[in-house]
Amino acid sequence: MTTPIRILVVEDDNDINALLCSIIRKSGYEPQAAYSGTEALLHLANGTWDMVLLDLMLPGMSGEDVMRRVREASHVPVLIISAKLDQRTKVDMLRTGADDYITKPFDIEEVSARIDSQLRRSRRTAEPSSSKELRHKDIVVDPEARTVSVGGQPITLTAREYSILLLFLSSPKKVFTKANVYRSAWGDEFHDDDNTINVHMSNLRNKLSRANPNEEYIETIWGMGYRLRT
C-alpha cells in the first residue's frame, strides 16, 4: 500500500485554508489544516509531513517563528504563501530556510505546480545517488546518511543547500550555470529568478565559511556560474 503524501496547511483564514486543501486533494495528496502557529507545531511534533504550506500573518505565534522552529528540527520543504509583498520579507524567509514563496492573491494552477515541483525535488534529494562518501578539501558528505561535515565537525544544511552542495561535489571541476543549479535543486526550469539562487548560494557559502573561515569552497565564475574552488 502506497504511503499518502501529507501536506500541512497553516493558514488562519478559513476560506483560503479550505481552498489550499482542495488544491492539494485534487493533486492526489492528503492535506491537514492548521489555523495557528501553535496548532501547526503540535501537528509537526506528532506527525510526519512531506511539505508545509505556511502563511506568515498568523494569530499568536507568527509564521516567521514557525519557520524557524521547523528548520531547527526538519528538512521538510516549506512553501510560504503570504500577503506580504515586500522583497525584504521574501529574502529573509528564504534565508531562514523557506524553499519557495508565493504572494497572495495566488493563482490556483501555479500553487499546484509549485507543490508538485517541490515534492519532486524533495523525493529526488532523499534518494542517495551513491553510498560512497563525497569529499572536497575538508568537506565530507555521506549521501546515505545525508550528513555533511567540515573539518570533522557536522554542519546543518537545509534540503536546498544540501542539494546544491551535492551537485557541486558530483562534478568537482564543472562550472554550473544558474540554470543548472535551479534545475537540480528546485526540480524546475529556470526563469531568471537570480535573487532566489543568490540567497541560497549565500547561505551555503556562509555556513561553510563559519565552519572553516580559513578556506574558500565555492567560487563565482563571472558571466558563467559557480564551481568548487580548488
Protein backbone atom coordinates (compact mmCIF):
# COMPACT_ATOMS: atom_id res chain seq x y z
CA MET A 1 0.00 0.00 0.00
CA THR A 2 1.40 3.40 -1.02
CA THR A 3 2.01 5.85 1.80
CA PRO A 4 -0.02 9.03 1.17
CA ILE A 5 1.81 12.32 0.67
CA ARG A 6 0.83 14.52 3.61
CA ILE A 7 0.87 18.31 3.45
CA LEU A 8 0.28 20.59 6.43
CA VAL A 9 -1.63 23.78 5.55
CA VAL A 10 -1.02 26.57 8.08
CA GLU A 11 -3.45 29.41 7.27
CA ASP A 12 -5.80 31.22 9.65
CA ASP A 13 -8.31 32.33 7.01
CA ASN A 14 -10.94 29.58 6.78
CA ASP A 15 -11.75 30.15 3.10
CA ILE A 16 -8.11 30.28 1.95
CA ASN A 17 -7.25 27.23 4.05
CA ALA A 18 -10.16 25.31 2.54
CA LEU A 19 -9.08 26.36 -0.98
CA LEU A 20 -5.50 25.22 -0.42
CA CYS A 21 -6.70 21.90 0.99
CA SER A 22 -8.92 21.48 -2.07
CA ILE A 23 -5.96 22.12 -4.41
CA ILE A 24 -3.93 19.51 -2.52
CA ARG A 25 -6.70 16.88 -2.66
CA LYS A 26 -7.19 17.40 -6.40
CA SER A 27 -3.48 16.69 -6.86
CA GLY A 28 -3.91 13.37 -5.05
CA TYR A 29 -2.26 14.40 -1.78
CA GLU A 30 -3.55 14.44 1.79
CA PRO A 31 -3.96 17.88 3.45
CA GLN A 32 -4.18 18.71 7.14
CA ALA A 33 -5.49 22.13 8.11
CA ALA A 34 -3.96 24.19 10.92
CA TYR A 35 -5.19 27.67 11.82
CA SER A 36 -2.43 29.00 14.08
CA GLY A 37 1.29 28.65 14.63
CA THR A 38 0.76 26.78 17.87
CA GLU A 39 -1.56 24.27 16.22
CA ALA A 40 0.97 23.84 13.39
CA LEU A 41 3.75 22.97 15.85
CA LEU A 42 1.53 20.35 17.50
CA HIS A 43 0.89 18.69 14.13
CA LEU A 44 4.59 18.87 13.24
CA ALA A 45 5.60 17.28 16.53
CA ASN A 46 3.05 14.47 16.28
CA GLY A 47 3.20 13.50 12.61
CA THR A 48 5.36 13.01 9.55
CA TRP A 49 4.94 15.55 6.76
CA ASP A 50 6.09 15.79 3.16
CA MET A 51 5.53 19.56 2.88
CA VAL A 52 4.28 22.59 4.79
CA LEU A 53 2.30 25.45 3.26
CA LEU A 54 2.77 28.38 5.63
CA ASP A 55 1.11 31.77 5.95
CA LEU A 56 3.13 34.43 7.79
CA MET A 57 0.41 36.52 9.43
CA LEU A 58 -0.96 34.06 11.98
CA PRO A 59 -2.62 34.58 15.37
CA GLY A 60 -0.31 34.08 18.34
CA MET A 61 2.95 32.67 17.02
CA SER A 62 3.95 34.27 13.73
CA GLY A 63 4.71 32.35 10.56
CA GLU A 64 8.32 33.57 10.78
CA ASP A 65 8.67 31.94 14.19
CA VAL A 66 7.04 28.73 12.94
CA MET A 67 9.51 28.70 10.02
CA ARG A 68 12.48 28.94 12.37
CA ARG A 69 11.12 26.16 14.61
CA VAL A 70 10.54 23.91 11.59
CA ARG A 71 14.10 24.38 10.36
CA GLU A 72 15.54 23.59 13.78
CA ALA A 73 14.11 20.08 13.55
CA SER A 74 13.41 19.18 9.92
CA HIS A 75 14.36 19.50 6.25
CA VAL A 76 10.70 19.26 5.14
CA PRO A 77 10.00 21.57 2.16
CA VAL A 78 8.24 24.79 3.24
CA LEU A 79 6.25 26.85 0.75
CA ILE A 80 5.36 30.32 2.04
CA ILE A 81 2.01 31.71 0.86
CA SER A 82 1.64 35.25 2.17
CA ALA A 83 0.11 38.66 1.51
CA LYS A 84 3.42 40.26 2.45
CA LEU A 85 4.72 41.59 -0.86
CA ASP A 86 7.94 43.34 0.16
CA GLN A 87 11.19 41.92 -1.17
CA ARG A 88 12.87 42.12 2.25
CA THR A 89 10.39 39.67 3.76
CA LYS A 90 10.81 37.25 0.86
CA VAL A 91 14.61 37.35 1.12
CA ASP A 92 14.51 36.95 4.91
CA MET A 93 12.27 33.89 4.67
CA LEU A 94 14.46 32.29 2.01
CA ARG A 95 17.48 32.91 4.22
CA THR A 96 15.64 31.38 7.18
CA GLY A 97 15.10 28.20 5.17
CA ALA A 98 11.90 28.54 3.13
CA ASP A 99 12.03 26.65 -0.16
CA ASP A 100 9.64 28.86 -2.13
CA TYR A 101 7.49 31.99 -1.70
CA ILE A 102 4.14 32.77 -3.34
CA THR A 103 2.27 36.03 -2.78
CA LYS A 104 -1.48 36.41 -2.34
CA PRO A 105 -3.72 36.58 -4.25
CA PHE A 106 -2.35 33.43 -5.86
CA ASP A 107 -3.13 31.50 -9.00
CA ILE A 108 -4.53 28.03 -8.27
CA GLU A 109 -2.61 26.36 -11.09
CA GLU A 110 0.64 28.00 -10.00
CA VAL A 111 0.23 26.77 -6.42
CA SER A 112 -0.50 23.25 -7.68
CA ALA A 113 2.54 23.30 -10.00
CA ARG A 114 4.88 24.59 -7.29
CA ILE A 115 3.70 21.94 -4.83
CA ASP A 116 4.39 19.24 -7.43
CA SER A 117 7.81 20.75 -8.19
CA GLN A 118 8.83 20.88 -4.53
CA LEU A 119 7.72 17.29 -3.94
CA ARG A 120 9.65 16.05 -6.99
CA ARG A 121 12.81 17.76 -5.81
CA SER A 122 12.35 16.54 -2.25
CA ARG A 123 11.93 12.92 -3.37
CA ARG A 124 14.95 13.15 -5.66
CA THR A 125 17.11 14.65 -2.90
CA ALA A 126 16.02 11.94 -0.48
CA GLU A 127 17.30 9.24 -2.83
CA PRO A 128 21.07 8.96 -2.40
CA SER A 129 22.90 8.77 -5.72
CA SER A 130 25.56 6.63 -4.10
CA SER A 131 26.51 5.27 -0.73
CA LYS A 132 30.08 6.44 -1.34
CA GLU A 133 31.22 9.49 0.60
CA LEU A 134 31.89 12.64 -1.43
CA ARG A 135 34.84 14.81 -0.41
CA HIS A 136 36.29 18.19 -1.31
CA LYS A 137 39.05 19.72 0.80
CA ASP A 138 37.78 19.13 4.36
CA ILE A 139 34.10 18.77 3.35
CA VAL A 140 32.70 15.25 3.69
CA VAL A 141 29.18 14.38 2.51
CA ASP A 142 27.63 10.99 3.26
CA PRO A 143 24.75 10.63 0.75
CA GLU A 144 23.36 7.58 2.51
CA ALA A 145 23.16 9.20 5.94
CA ARG A 146 22.56 12.66 4.40
CA THR A 147 25.18 14.22 6.67
CA VAL A 148 27.69 16.99 5.99
CA SER A 149 30.82 17.78 7.96
CA VAL A 150 33.60 20.35 7.58
CA GLY A 151 36.90 19.61 9.26
CA GLY A 152 35.27 16.74 11.09
CA GLN A 153 32.55 18.94 12.56
CA PRO A 154 28.93 18.36 11.45
CA ILE A 155 27.04 21.26 9.90
CA THR A 156 23.31 21.61 9.31
CA LEU A 157 22.08 22.45 5.82
CA THR A 158 18.57 22.93 4.51
CA ALA A 159 17.37 20.45 1.91
CA ARG A 160 18.02 23.02 -0.82
CA GLU A 161 21.54 23.83 0.37
CA TYR A 162 22.30 20.12 0.62
CA SER A 163 21.10 19.59 -2.98
CA ILE A 164 23.33 22.39 -4.25
CA LEU A 165 26.40 21.11 -2.41
CA LEU A 166 25.75 17.56 -3.62
CA LEU A 167 25.52 18.88 -7.19
CA PHE A 168 28.92 20.59 -6.95
CA LEU A 169 30.60 17.60 -5.33
CA SER A 170 29.26 15.27 -8.02
CA SER A 171 31.31 17.13 -10.67
CA PRO A 172 34.12 18.99 -8.87
CA LYS A 173 35.63 20.60 -11.97
CA LYS A 174 32.41 21.62 -13.72
CA VAL A 175 31.14 25.20 -13.91
CA PHE A 176 27.41 25.13 -13.11
CA THR A 177 25.22 27.85 -14.56
CA LYS A 178 22.34 29.25 -12.52
CA ALA A 179 20.00 27.26 -14.77
CA ASN A 180 21.93 24.06 -13.89
CA VAL A 181 21.67 24.81 -10.18
CA TYR A 182 17.99 25.68 -10.37
CA ARG A 183 17.01 22.60 -12.36
CA SER A 184 18.91 20.32 -9.99
CA ALA A 185 17.93 21.86 -6.65
CA TRP A 186 14.44 23.11 -7.50
CA GLY A 187 13.44 20.42 -9.97
CA ASP A 188 12.03 23.01 -12.37
CA GLU A 189 13.01 25.19 -15.31
CA PHE A 190 14.94 28.38 -14.52
CA HIS A 191 13.05 31.64 -15.10
CA ASP A 192 15.77 34.23 -14.38
CA ASP A 193 14.98 34.33 -10.65
CA ASP A 194 18.53 35.37 -9.75
CA ASN A 195 17.63 36.50 -6.25
CA THR A 196 16.36 33.08 -5.14
CA ILE A 197 19.56 31.34 -6.24
CA ASN A 198 21.76 34.12 -4.85
CA VAL A 199 20.16 33.83 -1.40
CA HIS A 200 20.61 30.04 -1.20
CA MET A 201 24.18 30.22 -2.55
CA SER A 202 24.99 32.92 0.02
CA ASN A 203 23.50 30.81 2.83
CA LEU A 204 25.54 27.77 1.78
CA ARG A 205 28.77 29.74 1.49
CA ASN A 206 28.23 31.41 4.87
CA LYS A 207 27.68 28.06 6.63
CA LEU A 208 30.81 26.58 5.08
CA SER A 209 32.79 29.71 5.93
CA ARG A 210 31.62 29.67 9.56
CA ALA A 211 32.76 26.05 9.82
CA ASN A 212 36.20 26.91 8.42
CA PRO A 213 36.90 30.65 7.99
CA ASN A 214 40.33 29.94 6.53
CA GLU A 215 39.04 28.15 3.45
CA GLU A 216 37.00 29.14 0.39
CA TYR A 217 34.98 26.33 -1.15
CA ILE A 218 32.80 27.80 -3.91
CA GLU A 219 33.84 30.43 -6.41
CA THR A 220 31.81 32.55 -8.78
CA ILE A 221 32.85 32.45 -12.43
CA TRP A 222 31.53 35.78 -13.63
CA GLY A 223 29.19 35.55 -16.59
CA MET A 224 29.09 31.77 -16.32
CA GLY A 225 28.08 30.43 -12.88
CA TYR A 226 29.72 28.61 -9.97
CA ARG A 227 32.18 25.82 -9.30
CA LEU A 228 34.14 24.31 -6.46
CA ARG A 229 37.34 26.21 -5.70
CA THR A 230 40.42 24.03 -5.98
